[in-house]
Protein backbone atom coordinates (compact mmCIF):
# COMPACT_ATOMS: atom_id res chain seq x y z
CA MET A 1 0.06 0.20 -0.15
CA LYS A 2 1.32 3.39 -1.08
CA ALA A 3 0.28 6.88 -0.11
CA GLN A 4 -2.53 6.49 -2.40
CA LEU A 5 -4.68 3.45 -1.65
CA THR A 6 -5.84 1.56 -4.58
CA LYS A 7 -7.35 -1.46 -3.53
CA PRO A 8 -10.85 -0.65 -2.98
CA ILE A 9 -11.71 -3.79 -0.54
CA VAL A 10 -9.02 -2.75 1.52
CA SER A 11 -9.37 0.77 2.39
CA ILE A 12 -12.65 2.85 1.00
CA LEU A 13 -14.89 5.58 1.62
CA ILE A 14 -18.18 5.25 -0.08
CA ALA A 15 -21.36 7.04 1.11
CA GLY A 16 -23.55 4.03 0.17
CA PHE A 17 -21.69 1.51 2.39
CA ILE A 18 -21.71 3.87 5.31
CA LEU A 19 -25.60 4.09 4.87
CA ALA A 20 -26.01 0.57 4.48
CA THR A 21 -24.26 -0.69 7.61
CA SER A 22 -24.79 1.82 10.31
CA VAL A 23 -28.11 3.65 11.03
CA PRO A 24 -28.35 6.99 13.38
CA PHE A 25 -31.43 7.68 15.97
CA TRP A 26 -31.37 10.96 17.72
CA GLY A 27 -32.77 12.18 20.72
CA ASN A 28 -34.76 10.46 23.54
CA ASP A 29 -37.18 8.83 21.09
CA GLY A 30 -34.30 6.29 20.49
CA PHE A 31 -35.81 2.78 20.48
CA ALA A 32 -33.71 1.93 23.55
CA GLY A 33 -33.54 5.04 25.61
CA SER A 34 -30.28 5.69 27.58
CA LEU A 35 -28.12 2.82 28.11
CA ALA A 36 -26.92 4.42 31.43
CA LYS A 37 -30.23 4.75 33.08
CA GLY A 38 -29.53 2.06 35.54
CA LEU A 39 -26.17 3.91 36.66
CA PHE A 40 -27.20 7.43 36.23
CA PRO A 41 -31.13 7.87 36.42
CA ASN A 42 -31.01 11.57 34.99
CA SER A 43 -28.58 10.72 31.97
CA GLU A 44 -30.51 11.63 28.50
CA LEU A 45 -29.59 10.09 25.35
CA ILE A 46 -27.94 12.52 22.89
CA TRP A 47 -27.67 10.11 19.95
CA GLU A 48 -27.38 6.65 18.98
CA ARG A 49 -26.05 4.46 16.28
CA GLU A 50 -26.32 1.08 15.29
CA PHE A 51 -23.76 -1.15 13.31
CA ASP A 52 -24.26 -4.18 11.30
CA GLY A 53 -21.61 -6.14 12.99
CA LYS A 54 -20.04 -6.42 16.58
CA ILE A 55 -18.11 -3.49 18.29
CA ARG A 56 -14.64 -4.55 19.41
CA ASP A 57 -13.17 -1.20 20.49
CA VAL A 58 -14.37 2.52 21.08
CA GLN A 59 -11.78 5.61 21.25
CA VAL A 60 -12.53 9.06 22.05
CA GLY A 61 -10.28 12.01 21.14
CA GLY A 62 -11.12 15.69 20.37
CA GLY A 63 -14.86 15.17 21.08
CA ASN A 64 -14.77 12.68 18.33
CA VAL A 65 -15.48 8.94 18.42
CA VAL A 66 -13.67 5.99 16.62
CA VAL A 67 -15.35 2.80 16.52
CA LEU A 68 -13.49 -0.49 15.54
CA TRP A 69 -16.18 -3.12 14.49
CA TRP A 70 -16.30 -6.26 12.62
CA LYS A 71 -18.58 -7.81 10.26
CA GLY A 72 -18.78 -11.35 9.07
CA ASN A 73 -18.63 -14.82 10.45
CA ASP A 74 -17.50 -15.28 13.83
CA ILE A 75 -14.74 -17.45 12.88
CA ILE A 76 -12.08 -15.31 11.18
CA ASP A 77 -10.77 -17.36 8.44
CA LYS A 78 -14.19 -18.11 7.09
CA GLY A 79 -14.88 -14.44 5.84
CA GLN A 80 -14.67 -11.45 7.93
CA LEU A 81 -13.99 -7.51 7.58
CA SER A 82 -12.88 -5.24 10.09
CA ILE A 83 -14.29 -1.75 9.84
CA ILE A 84 -13.30 1.56 11.23
CA SER A 85 -15.89 4.07 11.63
CA TYR A 86 -14.66 8.02 12.58
CA LEU A 87 -17.85 9.57 14.07
CA SER A 88 -18.14 13.21 14.87
CA SER A 89 -19.43 14.59 18.26
CA LYS A 90 -22.62 14.56 16.99
CA GLY A 91 -22.93 10.71 15.77
CA ASP A 92 -22.13 11.53 12.13
CA VAL A 93 -20.03 9.19 10.51
CA LEU A 94 -17.49 11.23 8.92
CA TRP A 95 -15.39 8.59 6.96
CA GLU A 96 -14.95 4.71 7.21
CA LYS A 97 -12.38 2.18 6.22
CA ILE A 98 -12.47 -1.45 5.54
CA PHE A 99 -9.62 -4.02 6.24
CA ALA A 100 -10.38 -7.47 5.15
CA TRP A 101 -8.85 -10.23 7.22
CA HIS A 102 -9.59 -13.27 4.65
CA LEU A 103 -12.01 -13.46 2.08
CA PRO A 104 -13.16 -16.89 0.66
CA GLY A 105 -10.64 -17.85 -2.07
CA GLU A 106 -8.16 -14.73 -1.20
CA TRP A 107 -5.60 -13.78 1.48
CA ASP A 108 -5.45 -10.01 1.76
CA LYS A 109 -1.98 -8.59 2.59
CA GLU A 110 -3.52 -5.73 4.61
CA GLY A 111 -4.93 -8.12 7.25
CA TYR A 112 -7.74 -7.23 9.74
CA VAL A 113 -7.35 -4.69 12.40
CA GLU A 114 -6.20 -6.06 15.61
CA SER A 115 -5.98 -2.61 17.32
CA ILE A 116 -6.37 1.03 16.85
CA SER A 117 -4.61 4.07 19.03
CA LEU A 118 -6.24 7.57 18.71
CA SER A 119 -4.64 10.90 19.73
CA LYS A 120 -6.31 12.75 22.90
CA ASN A 121 -6.99 15.49 20.17
CA GLY A 122 -8.75 13.13 17.86
CA LYS A 123 -6.61 14.38 14.91
CA ALA A 124 -4.33 11.04 14.14
CA LEU A 125 -5.15 7.59 14.16
CA ILE A 126 -2.81 4.92 14.04
CA VAL A 127 -4.14 1.45 12.71
CA ASN A 128 -2.31 -1.90 13.57
CA THR A 129 -3.15 -4.89 11.57
CA VAL A 130 -2.34 -8.84 11.43
CA VAL A 131 -1.77 -10.20 8.04
CA GLY A 132 -2.12 -13.55 8.40
CA PRO A 133 -0.53 -16.64 9.77
CA GLY A 134 3.42 -16.25 9.99
CA GLU A 135 2.99 -12.87 7.93
CA GLY A 136 3.51 -10.46 10.67
CA ARG A 137 1.68 -6.98 11.05
CA ARG A 138 1.32 -3.82 9.48
CA VAL A 139 0.65 -0.49 10.31
CA TYR A 140 -1.05 2.41 8.90
CA SER A 141 -1.40 6.37 9.77
CA TYR A 142 -4.46 8.50 8.99
CA ASP A 143 -5.30 12.05 9.83
CA ALA A 144 -8.51 13.27 11.23
CA GLU A 145 -10.32 13.57 7.36
CA GLY A 146 -9.28 9.83 7.10
CA ASN A 147 -6.37 10.80 4.70
CA PHE A 148 -3.85 7.91 4.21
CA ARG A 149 -0.38 8.99 5.63
CA TRP A 150 1.95 6.51 5.80
CA GLU A 151 2.41 2.70 6.40
CA THR A 152 5.42 0.41 7.93
CA GLY A 153 5.58 -3.17 8.67
CA ALA A 154 5.36 -4.11 12.49
CA ILE A 155 5.75 -6.54 15.40
CA GLU A 156 3.63 -6.68 18.51
CA PRO A 157 2.50 -4.83 20.24
CA GLY A 158 2.11 -2.10 17.25
CA LEU A 159 2.55 1.45 17.27
CA SER A 160 1.07 3.97 19.49
CA VAL A 161 0.41 7.72 18.88
CA SER A 162 1.14 10.41 20.95
CA SER A 163 -1.36 12.71 22.59
CA GLU A 164 -1.23 15.85 20.01
CA GLY A 165 -0.27 12.97 17.00
CA ASN A 166 2.79 14.27 16.02
CA TYR A 167 4.92 10.89 17.03
CA ALA A 168 4.50 7.48 17.13
CA ILE A 169 6.20 4.70 18.76
CA ILE A 170 6.68 1.06 18.97
CA THR A 171 9.01 -1.22 20.73
CA CYS A 172 9.95 -4.79 18.91
CA GLU A 173 12.04 -7.44 18.47
CA SER A 174 13.92 -9.03 15.78
CA GLU A 175 14.29 -12.59 15.79
CA GLU A 176 16.93 -12.70 13.04
CA GLU A 177 19.21 -10.16 14.58
CA MET A 178 18.49 -11.23 18.08
CA ALA A 179 17.93 -7.52 18.97
CA GLY A 180 14.98 -5.49 20.58
CA ARG A 181 14.53 -1.90 19.84
CA LEU A 182 12.38 1.38 20.64
CA ARG A 183 11.68 2.94 17.35
CA VAL A 184 10.31 6.45 17.34
CA PHE A 185 8.18 7.98 14.16
CA ASP A 186 7.44 11.59 12.95
CA ASN A 187 3.63 10.74 12.47
CA LYS A 188 3.17 13.11 9.70
CA THR A 189 5.79 12.00 7.50
CA GLY A 190 6.28 8.18 8.77
CA LYS A 191 10.13 8.85 9.07
CA GLU A 192 12.09 7.13 11.42
CA ILE A 193 13.57 9.84 14.04
CA TRP A 194 15.03 7.65 16.69
CA ASN A 195 16.11 3.90 16.99
CA ASP A 196 17.64 2.81 20.30
CA ARG A 197 18.53 -0.83 19.84
CA GLU A 198 20.34 -3.48 21.93
CA PRO A 199 20.98 -7.16 21.72
CA TYR A 200 18.91 -9.65 23.80
CA ILE A 201 16.84 -7.08 25.24
CA ASP A 202 13.26 -6.47 26.08
CA TRP A 203 11.20 -3.01 25.78
CA SER A 204 8.61 -1.23 26.94
CA ALA A 205 7.72 2.42 26.27
CA ILE A 206 4.77 4.94 26.75
CA PHE A 207 4.13 8.66 26.39
CA LEU A 208 4.36 11.21 28.90
CA SER A 209 3.63 14.11 26.77
CA ASP A 210 3.38 14.72 23.08
CA GLY A 211 7.01 14.93 22.59
CA GLU A 212 8.46 13.08 25.96
CA ILE A 213 8.70 9.00 25.81
CA ALA A 214 9.58 6.98 29.22
CA TYR A 215 10.64 3.64 28.12
CA VAL A 216 12.21 0.67 29.96
CA LYS A 217 15.05 -1.65 28.31
CA GLY A 218 16.30 -4.57 30.36
CA ARG A 219 16.34 -8.40 30.45
CA VAL A 220 13.64 -10.79 32.07
CA ARG A 221 15.28 -12.85 34.71
CA ASN A 222 18.41 -11.09 34.28
CA PRO A 223 19.95 -8.15 36.52
CA TYR A 224 19.35 -5.31 33.87
CA CYS A 225 16.79 -2.71 34.04
CA LYS A 226 17.32 0.90 32.81
CA LEU A 227 14.31 3.65 32.63
CA ILE A 228 15.22 6.14 29.87
CA LEU A 229 13.17 9.73 29.14
CA PHE A 230 13.54 10.56 25.51
CA ASN A 231 12.71 13.99 24.10
CA ALA A 232 11.55 13.43 20.58
CA GLU A 233 11.56 17.21 19.71
CA SER A 234 15.11 17.77 20.79
CA LEU A 235 16.18 14.03 19.76
CA GLN A 236 17.98 13.86 23.30
CA VAL A 237 17.91 11.51 26.19
CA LYS A 238 16.92 14.03 29.24
CA TRP A 239 17.86 11.17 31.90
CA GLU A 240 18.37 7.62 32.32
CA VAL A 241 18.21 5.42 35.50
CA ASP A 242 19.71 2.44 36.34
CA ILE A 243 16.87 0.68 38.13
CA SER A 244 18.75 -2.32 39.11
CA LYS A 245 21.22 -0.68 40.92
CA LYS A 246 19.41 2.30 42.43
CA LEU A 247 16.39 0.42 43.93
CA THR A 248 18.36 -1.52 46.58
CA GLY A 249 22.16 -1.77 45.53
CA GLU A 250 22.08 -5.32 45.05
CA GLY A 251 21.89 -5.04 41.41
CA ASN A 252 19.81 -8.41 40.54
CA TRP A 253 16.72 -6.51 39.24
CA GLY A 254 15.48 -7.10 35.94
CA ILE A 255 12.12 -6.18 34.04
CA SER A 256 9.12 -7.94 35.25
CA TYR A 257 7.75 -10.80 32.98
CA TYR A 258 4.36 -10.98 34.58
CA THR A 259 3.39 -7.26 34.73
CA PRO A 260 3.08 -4.19 32.24
CA ARG A 261 6.64 -2.78 32.58
CA VAL A 262 5.94 0.87 32.40
CA ARG A 263 2.95 2.98 32.86
CA ALA A 264 2.69 6.64 33.02
CA SER A 265 -0.09 9.07 34.29
CA LYS A 266 -2.26 10.57 32.04
CA ASP A 267 -0.77 14.25 33.16
CA GLY A 268 2.63 12.59 32.54
CA LYS A 269 3.99 13.25 36.37
CA LEU A 270 4.54 9.79 37.24
CA ILE A 271 5.80 6.49 36.05
CA ALA A 272 5.43 3.15 37.37
CA ILE A 273 7.24 -0.11 36.54
CA GLY A 274 7.17 -3.73 37.51
CA VAL A 275 10.74 -5.28 38.28
CA ASP A 276 11.46 -9.01 39.55
CA ASN A 277 14.76 -9.70 41.73
CA PHE A 278 16.46 -13.01 41.00
CA GLU A 279 19.12 -14.86 42.98
CA PRO A 280 22.87 -14.34 41.75
CA GLU A 281 23.61 -16.89 39.31
CA LYS A 282 20.08 -18.50 39.57
CA TYR A 283 18.19 -16.29 37.75
CA HIS A 284 15.37 -18.51 36.74
CA ARG A 285 14.61 -18.29 40.70
CA MET A 286 12.93 -15.12 41.67
CA LYS A 287 13.21 -14.02 45.11
CA GLU A 288 10.62 -10.91 45.10
CA ARG A 289 8.64 -8.74 42.87
CA LYS A 290 8.09 -5.13 43.39
CA LEU A 291 6.11 -2.08 41.97
CA VAL A 292 8.23 1.18 41.69
CA MET A 293 6.86 4.52 41.44
CA LEU A 294 9.21 7.52 39.88
CA ASN A 295 8.54 10.95 39.05
CA ASN A 296 8.86 12.37 35.54
CA LYS A 297 12.75 13.72 36.64
CA GLY A 298 13.49 9.96 37.38
CA ASP A 299 13.43 10.26 41.14
CA ILE A 300 12.30 7.11 43.05
CA LEU A 301 9.49 7.89 45.34
CA TRP A 302 8.56 4.72 46.52
CA TYR A 303 8.15 0.75 46.00
CA THR A 304 6.33 -2.07 47.44
CA ASN A 305 5.54 -5.64 46.72
CA PRO A 306 3.46 -5.43 43.29
CA ILE A 307 -0.24 -6.90 43.30
CA GLY A 308 -0.34 -7.20 39.51
CA SER A 309 -1.06 -5.11 36.60
CA HIS A 310 -1.08 -1.51 37.22
CA THR A 311 -2.44 1.67 35.77
CA PHE A 312 -3.18 5.43 36.08
CA PRO A 313 -6.98 5.76 35.55
CA TYR A 314 -7.55 9.13 36.68
CA GLY A 315 -4.49 11.52 36.05
CA SER A 316 -2.02 11.44 38.84
CA LYS A 317 -4.95 10.77 41.49
CA TYR A 318 -4.98 7.14 41.51
CA LEU A 319 -3.03 3.97 40.87
CA LEU A 320 -5.09 0.95 40.17
CA VAL A 321 -3.28 -2.61 40.20
CA GLY A 322 -4.89 -6.07 39.78
CA SER A 323 -3.74 -9.64 39.85
CA ASN A 324 -6.57 -12.27 38.79
CA TRP A 325 -9.35 -11.95 41.50
CA LYS A 326 -8.05 -8.93 43.41
CA PHE A 327 -7.78 -5.29 42.91
CA ASP A 328 -6.52 -2.31 44.87
CA LEU A 329 -6.53 1.16 44.68
CA LEU A 330 -3.53 3.19 45.89
CA ASP A 331 -2.18 6.69 46.41
CA PRO A 332 0.48 7.02 43.68
CA LEU A 333 2.40 9.61 45.55
CA THR A 334 2.70 7.64 48.83
CA GLY A 335 1.76 3.64 47.95
CA HIS A 336 -1.08 3.89 50.41
CA ARG A 337 -3.64 1.35 49.94
CA LEU A 338 -7.29 3.09 49.56
CA TRP A 339 -9.16 0.18 48.98
CA ARG A 340 -9.00 -3.34 48.14
CA VAL A 341 -11.48 -5.51 46.62
CA LYS A 342 -11.51 -9.42 45.87
CA PHE A 343 -14.12 -11.21 43.71
CA GLU A 344 -14.65 -15.07 43.33
CA ASN A 345 -15.34 -15.45 39.49
CA PHE A 346 -14.06 -11.86 37.90
CA ARG A 347 -10.60 -11.66 36.77
CA CYS A 348 -8.73 -8.48 35.57
CA TRP A 349 -9.12 -7.77 32.06
CA HIS A 350 -8.49 -4.49 29.73
CA ILE A 351 -6.60 -2.81 32.69
CA ASP A 352 -5.69 0.42 30.37
CA HIS A 353 -9.46 0.83 29.99
CA ILE A 354 -10.25 1.37 33.35
CA PHE A 355 -11.73 4.91 34.25
CA PHE A 356 -13.51 7.10 36.80
CA PHE A 357 -16.44 9.09 36.06
CA ARG A 358 -18.77 10.95 38.36
CA GLY A 359 -17.70 8.84 41.64
CA LYS A 360 -17.66 5.44 40.07
CA CYS A 361 -14.77 3.50 38.93
CA PHE A 362 -15.78 1.31 35.82
CA LEU A 363 -13.42 -1.76 35.80
CA PRO A 364 -13.35 -4.23 32.68
CA VAL A 365 -13.53 -7.77 33.79
CA VAL A 366 -13.57 -11.31 32.46
CA LYS A 367 -16.15 -13.49 34.17
CA TRP A 368 -14.62 -16.89 34.57
CA VAL A 369 -16.71 -20.04 35.72
CA ARG A 370 -15.46 -23.39 35.32
CA GLY A 371 -17.28 -25.01 32.79
CA GLU A 372 -18.75 -22.00 31.10
CA ASP A 373 -17.67 -19.56 28.37
CA ALA A 374 -15.56 -16.49 29.55
CA LYS A 375 -17.38 -13.18 29.36
CA GLU A 376 -16.00 -9.82 29.12
CA LEU A 377 -17.83 -7.40 31.47
CA VAL A 378 -17.76 -4.19 33.19
CA LEU A 379 -17.87 -3.81 37.38
CA VAL A 380 -18.95 -0.38 38.40
CA LEU A 381 -17.48 0.28 41.96
CA ASP A 382 -17.80 3.27 44.28
CA GLU A 383 -14.74 5.29 43.86
CA LYS A 384 -14.53 5.87 47.69
CA THR A 385 -15.00 2.49 49.03
CA GLY A 386 -14.67 0.02 46.20
CA ASN A 387 -18.05 -1.43 46.90
CA GLN A 388 -19.95 -2.67 43.87
CA ILE A 389 -22.77 -0.74 42.53
CA GLY A 390 -25.41 -2.73 40.80
CA GLU A 391 -24.67 -5.89 38.51
CA PRO A 392 -21.96 -6.00 35.94
CA VAL A 393 -22.49 -3.94 32.53
CA GLU A 394 -22.21 -5.99 29.25
CA SER A 395 -20.81 -2.80 27.64
CA ILE A 396 -17.65 -1.15 26.21
CA MET A 397 -17.67 2.36 27.79
CA ALA A 398 -15.33 5.73 27.52
CA PRO A 399 -15.71 9.05 28.97
CA MET A 400 -15.82 12.13 26.71
CA GLY A 401 -14.98 14.60 29.30
CA ASP A 402 -16.79 15.00 32.78
CA LYS A 403 -20.32 15.43 31.07
CA TYR A 404 -20.83 12.49 28.40
CA LEU A 405 -20.30 9.06 28.65
CA ILE A 406 -20.01 6.60 25.30
CA MET A 407 -21.27 3.18 25.88
CA THR A 408 -22.42 0.27 23.77
CA ASP A 409 -25.29 -2.43 24.15
CA GLU A 410 -24.92 -5.85 25.54
CA ASP A 411 -24.68 -7.16 22.08
CA LYS A 412 -22.09 -4.76 20.99
CA SER A 413 -24.12 -3.28 17.99
CA ARG A 414 -25.18 -0.04 19.11
CA ILE A 415 -23.19 2.96 20.31
CA GLN A 416 -24.67 5.72 22.61
CA LYS A 417 -23.44 8.98 23.41
CA VAL A 418 -25.13 10.02 26.94
CA GLN A 419 -25.41 13.13 28.97
CA ILE A 420 -24.87 12.67 32.49
CA ASP A 421 -26.33 15.49 34.79
């Protein structure tokens, strides 16, 4: 695929297709009413749209909404399309693009959409696709009008875009060269502007701001773990912290195999990483695991025994960590635990999609019961106590500021914008 898309089944913008696959409903007379009524009795339905398929992801940026949905057979290799719909704040479809995973009798080189990354201002969209078994991945970059910018090959976990959409990053590994690396791209041109590379290294990276990138490089089960802050505008490393040596002086700490390796608060002020400590000369035998909190200057604020995967769901106000059936809410400045909740059948899922809204914590989980199919749900908890509110919700949700909530129905075919009074 070049700058001009020529293959119609891969990426098209056809008004007739839009009208045929998604139907809008406006106002309180929509056939479902507000999906949020049970959580917010005074909520008002602003608009609703139905898709001829199943919604897989919803992201919000700059007041607009991007929906990733699939159409076709539930079994991918029997024919299925993955479709991206870019909606305005009023629910209008501004543009759509279609990606084919597999069509009967033909493998499509662009692949199906595995994930998307939308900038906070809604002006840039990165699309990560899977081409097929053994064929790897590809990445496509678009602007807010749906214009194609550039593409590149990629290796899991795919590219993510910065808050203002000016940069994109990926951490990847090369089996042939046995080398891991961080790659930073100018998202307007697709030019690679930074490449940190080192043999036998694992990587993880995240944006602190549009141009500042915090990344960890280290070895699992090996005493090597460095946290680095890179500025994409100046192309300079601002600071580097040797976590393995600075943490306890033992020098046996490596990046954690079991937890997300680096996460940052949405305001870019705090950075959290998971590390493991192994016995000297016996790196397969782990002694302990810790969660380390740093500020954006590279100072270690505190560390404690981690509870699992972690994320900042509300600026620098909270750190939420989850491990299987247990969830803890911490004060990120002190590490003090605010509340802990335990569940028998709910496991941590999509931790980066956790958010707080109007005094409630929305917690994506998987209901896991022996002998039954797993089901993705959202638990609603009280922000102050962690107590569960009502029954789990079968929905995909995203906040739009502090006044609106985007949510889907339990069949994942309808999406609503709801105003919360």
